[in-house]
Every structure is written in C-alpha cells, then in structure tokens.
N, C-alpha and C. Protein backbone atom coordinates (compact mmCIF):
# COMPACT_ATOMS: atom_id res chain seq x y z
N MET A 1 33.42 -7.04 8.00
CA MET A 1 32.32 -7.83 8.51
C MET A 1 31.22 -7.87 7.46
N THR A 2 30.81 -9.05 7.09
CA THR A 2 29.69 -9.21 6.18
C THR A 2 28.74 -10.21 6.81
N LEU A 3 27.49 -9.83 6.92
CA LEU A 3 26.47 -10.72 7.47
C LEU A 3 26.24 -11.88 6.53
N SER A 4 25.73 -12.98 7.08
CA SER A 4 25.33 -14.10 6.25
C SER A 4 23.82 -14.26 6.35
N ALA A 5 23.24 -14.87 5.33
CA ALA A 5 21.79 -15.07 5.28
C ALA A 5 21.29 -15.82 6.51
N SER A 6 22.10 -16.73 7.04
CA SER A 6 21.67 -17.52 8.21
C SER A 6 21.54 -16.67 9.47
N GLU A 7 22.12 -15.48 9.49
CA GLU A 7 22.04 -14.59 10.65
C GLU A 7 20.82 -13.68 10.58
N LEU A 8 20.06 -13.75 9.48
CA LEU A 8 18.97 -12.81 9.25
C LEU A 8 17.65 -13.53 9.06
N SER A 9 16.56 -12.83 9.38
CA SER A 9 15.23 -13.36 9.12
C SER A 9 14.29 -12.20 8.78
N ILE A 10 13.28 -12.49 7.97
CA ILE A 10 12.30 -11.48 7.60
C ILE A 10 11.65 -10.95 8.88
N GLY A 11 11.54 -9.64 8.98
CA GLY A 11 10.95 -9.00 10.15
C GLY A 11 11.96 -8.66 11.24
N GLN A 12 13.15 -9.21 11.16
CA GLN A 12 14.19 -8.88 12.13
C GLN A 12 14.51 -7.40 12.01
N ALA A 13 14.71 -6.74 13.13
CA ALA A 13 14.94 -5.29 13.11
C ALA A 13 16.07 -4.92 14.05
N ARG A 14 16.65 -3.79 13.76
CA ARG A 14 17.66 -3.19 14.62
C ARG A 14 17.27 -1.73 14.82
N THR A 15 17.26 -1.30 16.08
CA THR A 15 16.90 0.07 16.44
C THR A 15 18.03 0.66 17.27
N ALA A 16 18.33 1.93 17.02
CA ALA A 16 19.37 2.61 17.78
C ALA A 16 19.05 4.10 17.86
N VAL A 17 19.42 4.70 18.99
CA VAL A 17 19.37 6.16 19.10
C VAL A 17 20.56 6.67 18.28
N LEU A 18 20.27 7.51 17.32
CA LEU A 18 21.29 7.98 16.38
C LEU A 18 21.95 9.27 16.83
N VAL A 19 21.17 10.14 17.44
CA VAL A 19 21.70 11.39 17.98
C VAL A 19 20.75 11.85 19.08
N GLU A 20 21.34 12.29 20.17
CA GLU A 20 20.55 12.87 21.26
C GLU A 20 20.83 14.37 21.28
N ASP A 21 19.76 15.15 21.32
CA ASP A 21 19.89 16.60 21.44
C ASP A 21 20.81 17.17 20.35
N LEU A 22 20.36 17.06 19.11
CA LEU A 22 21.11 17.59 17.97
C LEU A 22 21.47 19.05 18.22
N LYS A 23 22.71 19.38 18.05
CA LYS A 23 23.20 20.74 18.32
C LYS A 23 23.30 21.57 17.04
N ARG A 24 23.11 22.87 17.18
CA ARG A 24 23.30 23.79 16.05
C ARG A 24 24.72 23.69 15.52
N THR A 25 25.67 23.46 16.42
CA THR A 25 27.06 23.31 16.01
C THR A 25 27.20 22.16 15.01
N GLN A 26 26.45 21.08 15.20
CA GLN A 26 26.51 19.96 14.27
C GLN A 26 26.00 20.36 12.88
N LEU A 27 25.01 21.25 12.84
CA LEU A 27 24.51 21.74 11.55
C LEU A 27 25.60 22.54 10.83
N VAL A 28 26.28 23.40 11.57
CA VAL A 28 27.34 24.22 10.98
C VAL A 28 28.51 23.33 10.56
N GLN A 29 28.85 22.34 11.38
CA GLN A 29 29.93 21.42 11.00
C GLN A 29 29.58 20.68 9.72
N TYR A 30 28.32 20.24 9.60
CA TYR A 30 27.91 19.54 8.39
C TYR A 30 27.97 20.48 7.18
N ALA A 31 27.55 21.72 7.36
CA ALA A 31 27.63 22.69 6.26
C ALA A 31 29.07 22.79 5.76
N GLY A 32 30.01 22.88 6.68
CA GLY A 32 31.42 22.96 6.29
C GLY A 32 31.91 21.71 5.60
N ALA A 33 31.51 20.56 6.10
CA ALA A 33 31.96 19.29 5.52
C ALA A 33 31.34 19.05 4.14
N SER A 34 30.09 19.47 3.97
CA SER A 34 29.38 19.18 2.72
C SER A 34 29.48 20.30 1.70
N GLY A 35 29.77 21.52 2.16
CA GLY A 35 29.77 22.67 1.27
C GLY A 35 28.38 23.23 1.05
N ASP A 36 27.39 22.75 1.80
CA ASP A 36 26.01 23.22 1.68
C ASP A 36 25.79 24.33 2.71
N TYR A 37 25.94 25.56 2.26
CA TYR A 37 25.83 26.72 3.16
C TYR A 37 24.48 27.42 3.03
N ASN A 38 23.44 26.68 2.69
CA ASN A 38 22.11 27.26 2.61
C ASN A 38 21.79 27.92 3.96
N PRO A 39 21.40 29.18 3.96
CA PRO A 39 21.16 29.88 5.24
C PRO A 39 20.04 29.27 6.08
N LEU A 40 19.19 28.44 5.50
CA LEU A 40 18.14 27.78 6.28
C LEU A 40 18.72 26.91 7.40
N HIS A 41 19.98 26.54 7.25
CA HIS A 41 20.60 25.62 8.20
C HIS A 41 21.53 26.29 9.21
N HIS A 42 21.73 27.63 9.07
CA HIS A 42 22.65 28.27 10.02
C HIS A 42 22.30 29.72 10.36
N ASP A 43 21.47 30.37 9.56
CA ASP A 43 21.19 31.79 9.77
C ASP A 43 19.77 31.96 10.34
N GLU A 44 19.70 32.13 11.63
CA GLU A 44 18.42 32.22 12.33
C GLU A 44 17.56 33.37 11.81
N LEU A 45 18.15 34.53 11.64
CA LEU A 45 17.41 35.71 11.18
C LEU A 45 16.81 35.45 9.78
N TYR A 46 17.61 34.98 8.86
CA TYR A 46 17.13 34.68 7.51
C TYR A 46 16.01 33.63 7.56
N THR A 47 16.23 32.58 8.32
CA THR A 47 15.27 31.48 8.36
C THR A 47 13.92 31.96 8.89
N ARG A 48 13.93 32.81 9.90
CA ARG A 48 12.68 33.30 10.49
C ARG A 48 12.03 34.39 9.62
N GLU A 49 12.81 35.41 9.27
CA GLU A 49 12.23 36.60 8.65
C GLU A 49 12.03 36.48 7.14
N VAL A 50 12.89 35.78 6.47
CA VAL A 50 12.79 35.67 5.01
C VAL A 50 12.03 34.40 4.61
N ALA A 51 12.42 33.29 5.21
CA ALA A 51 11.84 32.00 4.80
C ALA A 51 10.58 31.64 5.57
N GLY A 52 10.37 32.25 6.74
CA GLY A 52 9.15 32.02 7.50
C GLY A 52 9.12 30.75 8.33
N TYR A 53 10.27 30.17 8.58
CA TYR A 53 10.34 28.99 9.46
C TYR A 53 10.57 29.44 10.89
N PRO A 54 10.26 28.59 11.86
CA PRO A 54 10.46 28.99 13.26
C PRO A 54 11.92 29.05 13.68
N GLY A 55 12.81 28.48 12.90
CA GLY A 55 14.23 28.49 13.23
C GLY A 55 14.99 27.63 12.23
N VAL A 56 16.30 27.59 12.43
CA VAL A 56 17.14 26.78 11.54
C VAL A 56 16.81 25.30 11.72
N PHE A 57 17.07 24.51 10.68
CA PHE A 57 16.81 23.07 10.75
C PHE A 57 17.92 22.32 10.02
N ALA A 58 18.00 21.04 10.29
CA ALA A 58 19.08 20.20 9.77
C ALA A 58 18.96 20.00 8.26
N HIS A 59 20.11 19.82 7.62
CA HIS A 59 20.17 19.42 6.23
C HIS A 59 19.55 18.03 6.10
N GLY A 60 18.79 17.80 5.07
CA GLY A 60 18.27 16.46 4.83
C GLY A 60 19.37 15.43 4.72
N MET A 61 20.44 15.79 4.04
CA MET A 61 21.53 14.83 3.86
C MET A 61 22.27 14.54 5.17
N LEU A 62 22.25 15.45 6.12
CA LEU A 62 22.81 15.16 7.44
C LEU A 62 21.99 14.07 8.10
N THR A 63 20.67 14.22 8.03
CA THR A 63 19.78 13.21 8.61
C THR A 63 19.95 11.87 7.91
N MET A 64 20.10 11.90 6.60
CA MET A 64 20.32 10.65 5.84
C MET A 64 21.64 10.00 6.26
N GLY A 65 22.68 10.82 6.43
CA GLY A 65 23.97 10.29 6.84
C GLY A 65 23.94 9.69 8.24
N ILE A 66 23.26 10.37 9.15
CA ILE A 66 23.12 9.85 10.51
C ILE A 66 22.38 8.51 10.49
N THR A 67 21.34 8.43 9.67
CA THR A 67 20.58 7.19 9.53
C THR A 67 21.43 6.11 8.89
N GLY A 68 22.25 6.48 7.93
CA GLY A 68 23.12 5.51 7.25
C GLY A 68 24.08 4.80 8.18
N LYS A 69 24.48 5.46 9.24
CA LYS A 69 25.38 4.82 10.20
C LYS A 69 24.71 3.61 10.86
N LEU A 70 23.41 3.70 11.09
CA LEU A 70 22.67 2.55 11.62
C LEU A 70 22.84 1.36 10.68
N LEU A 71 22.75 1.63 9.38
CA LEU A 71 22.86 0.55 8.39
C LEU A 71 24.26 -0.04 8.35
N THR A 72 25.27 0.81 8.25
CA THR A 72 26.63 0.28 8.15
C THR A 72 27.08 -0.38 9.44
N ASP A 73 26.56 0.08 10.58
CA ASP A 73 26.87 -0.62 11.83
C ASP A 73 26.33 -2.04 11.82
N TRP A 74 25.22 -2.26 11.09
CA TRP A 74 24.60 -3.58 11.05
C TRP A 74 25.18 -4.44 9.92
N VAL A 75 25.23 -3.91 8.71
CA VAL A 75 25.62 -4.74 7.57
C VAL A 75 27.11 -4.64 7.24
N GLY A 76 27.81 -3.71 7.87
CA GLY A 76 29.25 -3.56 7.64
C GLY A 76 29.56 -2.50 6.61
N ASP A 77 30.70 -1.85 6.79
CA ASP A 77 31.16 -0.83 5.84
C ASP A 77 31.39 -1.46 4.48
N GLY A 78 30.99 -0.75 3.45
CA GLY A 78 31.23 -1.20 2.09
C GLY A 78 30.25 -2.22 1.55
N ASN A 79 29.26 -2.61 2.34
CA ASN A 79 28.32 -3.64 1.89
C ASN A 79 27.01 -3.09 1.36
N LEU A 80 26.72 -1.80 1.56
CA LEU A 80 25.47 -1.24 1.03
C LEU A 80 25.54 -1.22 -0.50
N ALA A 81 24.50 -1.76 -1.12
CA ALA A 81 24.40 -1.74 -2.58
C ALA A 81 23.49 -0.61 -3.04
N ASN A 82 22.45 -0.33 -2.28
CA ASN A 82 21.49 0.73 -2.57
C ASN A 82 21.02 1.33 -1.26
N TYR A 83 20.77 2.64 -1.29
CA TYR A 83 20.26 3.33 -0.11
C TYR A 83 19.54 4.57 -0.60
N GLY A 84 18.27 4.66 -0.30
CA GLY A 84 17.49 5.83 -0.70
C GLY A 84 16.48 6.18 0.38
N VAL A 85 16.25 7.47 0.54
CA VAL A 85 15.32 7.92 1.58
C VAL A 85 14.39 8.99 1.04
N ARG A 86 13.38 9.23 1.83
CA ARG A 86 12.46 10.34 1.62
C ARG A 86 12.47 11.16 2.91
N PHE A 87 12.63 12.46 2.79
CA PHE A 87 12.62 13.35 3.95
C PHE A 87 11.17 13.74 4.21
N VAL A 88 10.61 13.27 5.32
CA VAL A 88 9.18 13.46 5.56
C VAL A 88 8.85 14.53 6.60
N ASN A 89 9.81 14.91 7.41
CA ASN A 89 9.64 16.01 8.36
C ASN A 89 10.99 16.64 8.63
N GLN A 90 10.96 17.90 9.04
CA GLN A 90 12.20 18.58 9.35
C GLN A 90 12.77 18.10 10.69
N VAL A 91 14.09 18.24 10.78
CA VAL A 91 14.82 17.90 12.00
C VAL A 91 15.35 19.21 12.57
N TRP A 92 15.04 19.45 13.84
CA TRP A 92 15.36 20.72 14.49
C TRP A 92 16.48 20.54 15.52
N PRO A 93 17.24 21.59 15.78
CA PRO A 93 18.18 21.52 16.90
C PRO A 93 17.42 21.11 18.16
N GLY A 94 18.03 20.24 18.94
CA GLY A 94 17.40 19.72 20.14
C GLY A 94 16.72 18.38 19.94
N ASP A 95 16.49 18.00 18.68
CA ASP A 95 15.84 16.71 18.42
C ASP A 95 16.74 15.54 18.80
N THR A 96 16.09 14.48 19.22
CA THR A 96 16.73 13.18 19.42
C THR A 96 16.17 12.26 18.35
N LEU A 97 17.06 11.63 17.59
CA LEU A 97 16.63 10.78 16.48
C LEU A 97 16.92 9.32 16.77
N THR A 98 15.93 8.48 16.49
CA THR A 98 16.06 7.03 16.65
C THR A 98 15.76 6.39 15.31
N GLY A 99 16.63 5.49 14.89
CA GLY A 99 16.45 4.82 13.60
C GLY A 99 16.14 3.35 13.79
N THR A 100 15.33 2.82 12.88
CA THR A 100 15.02 1.39 12.84
C THR A 100 15.17 0.90 11.42
N ALA A 101 15.86 -0.21 11.27
CA ALA A 101 15.98 -0.89 9.99
C ALA A 101 15.39 -2.29 10.17
N GLU A 102 14.53 -2.69 9.25
CA GLU A 102 13.86 -3.99 9.34
C GLU A 102 14.09 -4.78 8.06
N VAL A 103 14.39 -6.06 8.21
CA VAL A 103 14.61 -6.95 7.07
C VAL A 103 13.27 -7.20 6.38
N THR A 104 13.22 -6.88 5.08
CA THR A 104 12.01 -7.13 4.29
C THR A 104 12.20 -8.27 3.30
N ALA A 105 13.45 -8.58 2.96
CA ALA A 105 13.71 -9.70 2.04
C ALA A 105 15.16 -10.14 2.17
N ILE A 106 15.36 -11.41 1.93
CA ILE A 106 16.70 -12.00 1.81
C ILE A 106 16.67 -12.70 0.45
N ARG A 107 17.56 -12.30 -0.45
CA ARG A 107 17.42 -12.77 -1.82
C ARG A 107 18.75 -12.99 -2.50
N GLU A 108 18.66 -13.69 -3.62
CA GLU A 108 19.82 -13.90 -4.48
C GLU A 108 19.51 -13.29 -5.84
N GLU A 109 20.49 -12.61 -6.40
CA GLU A 109 20.34 -11.98 -7.71
C GLU A 109 21.65 -12.11 -8.46
N ASN A 110 21.62 -12.77 -9.60
CA ASN A 110 22.82 -12.96 -10.43
C ASN A 110 23.99 -13.53 -9.63
N GLY A 111 23.67 -14.49 -8.78
CA GLY A 111 24.71 -15.15 -8.00
C GLY A 111 25.18 -14.40 -6.76
N GLU A 112 24.63 -13.21 -6.52
CA GLU A 112 24.99 -12.44 -5.33
C GLU A 112 23.83 -12.49 -4.34
N HIS A 113 24.16 -12.40 -3.06
CA HIS A 113 23.15 -12.47 -2.01
C HIS A 113 22.97 -11.08 -1.39
N PHE A 114 21.69 -10.75 -1.12
CA PHE A 114 21.35 -9.43 -0.60
C PHE A 114 20.33 -9.53 0.52
N VAL A 115 20.35 -8.54 1.39
CA VAL A 115 19.28 -8.31 2.35
C VAL A 115 18.67 -6.95 1.98
N ASP A 116 17.34 -6.92 1.93
CA ASP A 116 16.62 -5.67 1.69
C ASP A 116 16.06 -5.18 3.03
N LEU A 117 16.16 -3.89 3.25
CA LEU A 117 15.77 -3.29 4.53
C LEU A 117 14.81 -2.13 4.32
N SER A 118 13.87 -2.00 5.23
CA SER A 118 12.99 -0.85 5.32
C SER A 118 13.52 0.00 6.46
N ILE A 119 13.56 1.32 6.26
CA ILE A 119 14.19 2.22 7.22
C ILE A 119 13.22 3.31 7.65
N THR A 120 13.20 3.57 8.95
CA THR A 120 12.45 4.71 9.48
C THR A 120 13.28 5.36 10.58
N THR A 121 13.43 6.66 10.49
CA THR A 121 14.05 7.43 11.57
C THR A 121 12.98 8.37 12.12
N THR A 122 12.85 8.37 13.44
CA THR A 122 11.83 9.19 14.10
C THR A 122 12.49 10.18 15.06
N ASN A 123 11.75 11.23 15.39
CA ASN A 123 12.22 12.17 16.40
C ASN A 123 11.72 11.73 17.77
N GLN A 124 11.99 12.54 18.77
CA GLN A 124 11.65 12.21 20.16
C GLN A 124 10.15 12.10 20.38
N ASP A 125 9.35 12.65 19.48
CA ASP A 125 7.89 12.56 19.59
C ASP A 125 7.33 11.36 18.83
N GLY A 126 8.21 10.57 18.22
CA GLY A 126 7.78 9.41 17.45
C GLY A 126 7.38 9.75 16.03
N ALA A 127 7.54 11.00 15.61
CA ALA A 127 7.19 11.39 14.24
C ALA A 127 8.31 10.99 13.29
N PRO A 128 7.98 10.31 12.19
CA PRO A 128 9.01 9.96 11.21
C PRO A 128 9.62 11.23 10.60
N VAL A 129 10.93 11.23 10.45
CA VAL A 129 11.61 12.33 9.76
C VAL A 129 12.26 11.83 8.47
N VAL A 130 12.58 10.55 8.43
CA VAL A 130 13.15 9.92 7.24
C VAL A 130 12.54 8.53 7.11
N THR A 131 12.15 8.18 5.89
CA THR A 131 11.77 6.80 5.58
C THR A 131 12.55 6.39 4.35
N GLY A 132 12.76 5.09 4.19
CA GLY A 132 13.50 4.67 3.01
C GLY A 132 13.73 3.19 2.95
N THR A 133 14.61 2.83 2.04
CA THR A 133 14.97 1.43 1.82
C THR A 133 16.47 1.33 1.57
N ALA A 134 16.97 0.16 1.78
CA ALA A 134 18.37 -0.13 1.49
C ALA A 134 18.51 -1.59 1.13
N SER A 135 19.55 -1.89 0.38
CA SER A 135 19.94 -3.27 0.10
C SER A 135 21.42 -3.40 0.39
N ALA A 136 21.80 -4.55 0.92
CA ALA A 136 23.21 -4.76 1.25
C ALA A 136 23.65 -6.15 0.82
N HIS A 137 24.90 -6.24 0.43
CA HIS A 137 25.50 -7.53 0.11
C HIS A 137 25.64 -8.34 1.39
N ILE A 138 25.32 -9.63 1.31
CA ILE A 138 25.52 -10.55 2.43
C ILE A 138 26.14 -11.83 1.90
N ASN A 139 26.66 -12.63 2.79
CA ASN A 139 27.15 -13.95 2.42
C ASN A 139 25.99 -14.93 2.36
N ALA A 140 26.16 -15.98 1.57
CA ALA A 140 25.12 -17.00 1.44
C ALA A 140 24.84 -17.69 2.76
C-alpha cells in the first residue's frame, strides 16, 4: 500500500492509541529482542537505589518503535524514507501512549514524491514523551 498525494492534505492528522497500560513484561521482552539489557529497564532495585529513579522505565527505542507503527500503518510498510525522534520524557510501566502524525508537507524531490510528517506521542496525562519527524514515499 502506498498513499498518493491526492489522498493527503497539509494539516491532515492520524491519531491512535499505541499501547494501553504498558507492562514490565514488555520492557523485558524488548530487552531480549534488542539486546539492550541496561538495568534501568528491568532491575527495580538498581534503578531505585543506584540510579535514583522511582522505578524501571521503557527503552527509548521501544517507544520509538511503538510510535513507528503508527507511521507504517498510515504510509505502508517499506515507504518510510526518514524517521527521527527526540525522547522528551520517560515512559513508565502502566503508561498509555497515544501517537499523532500530522502532514506538514507534500513534495517532489528528484522525481520522487514524499509526505513529511510531524510526530508526537503523549502519555495518559497528555505529556509528550516522543516528538519527531518522518518522510515517506508516496505516489504522485
């Protein structure tokens, strides 16, 4: 599936709940899948007593990956040309994350057509946890 420029307009947005009640098990599963075994993401005692955080928290790349699904669900698998984020707040077990992608430009570059998107993922309190941008290939 590839979107066409005629299906898009500047300011058009797509919002979706990305995860409800993030579980600690999901953090451990991501650690295994990614190979990132930083104790901040799975060892409660270390995180509290050594690092001084109130508890374990999600990997930034897990949050980026969850947000990325919003994008690929909209623009189609294999169509992302660029995707970058900034991690602006931690994601905790129990959080519910909602992502929004908004069209900021529809353009042509070197004969290829693209949609540019602004991305924000927020927690259940409306606080942004990830912000970023993406570009995807589209049909003319």
